[in-house]
Amino acid sequence: MSRMQSLDADFICRKCGKTVLINQYALSRFCPICGTLLRPLRYWVFQFNPATYKWYDWIKEGRDKEQWLVSKHAKSIQKGDRVVIWASGEKAGIYAIGEIVEDPCIKPLNKDQEKYWTGKDDAIKFEDKPSVVIKY
């Protein structure tokens, strides 16, 4: 079973990725697979502004992974954490759920995504600030 299939999980193993529910965690605070101490599963909100990032066009192409800039909490975000994608503006709301598949690091924006930014200055931020890859 993949980790995304268990969205109702409350704790995750940082070593093997196994997720467990609160009732199992109450019995043992260690992973039933590898014995590593479990940590609470965290959820993050990533927001886009349709005026500066054409996310709707990106997702229409059937992409399942995307690089997102991390403006805060880069030291707390970890691979395996869950995310929601929030749109601001006139059609504000949650449009996707996903999972962090890479720990935050500084790297240039994925070339496939560059054309979806309305301003070159926004895409350049990826060269100086941490980002993550999210799988929907």
Foldseek 3Di string as FASTA:
>chain_A
DDLVVPPQFFKAAPPPGDTHHPVVCVVPQADPPPGGGIDTAAEEEAEDECVFFVVVVVVVVVDFKAKGFDPDDLVPDDFNHKYWYFYDDDPTDTDDIWTFHHRWDQDQGDPVRCVRGPDNVVRCVSNPGIMTMIGD
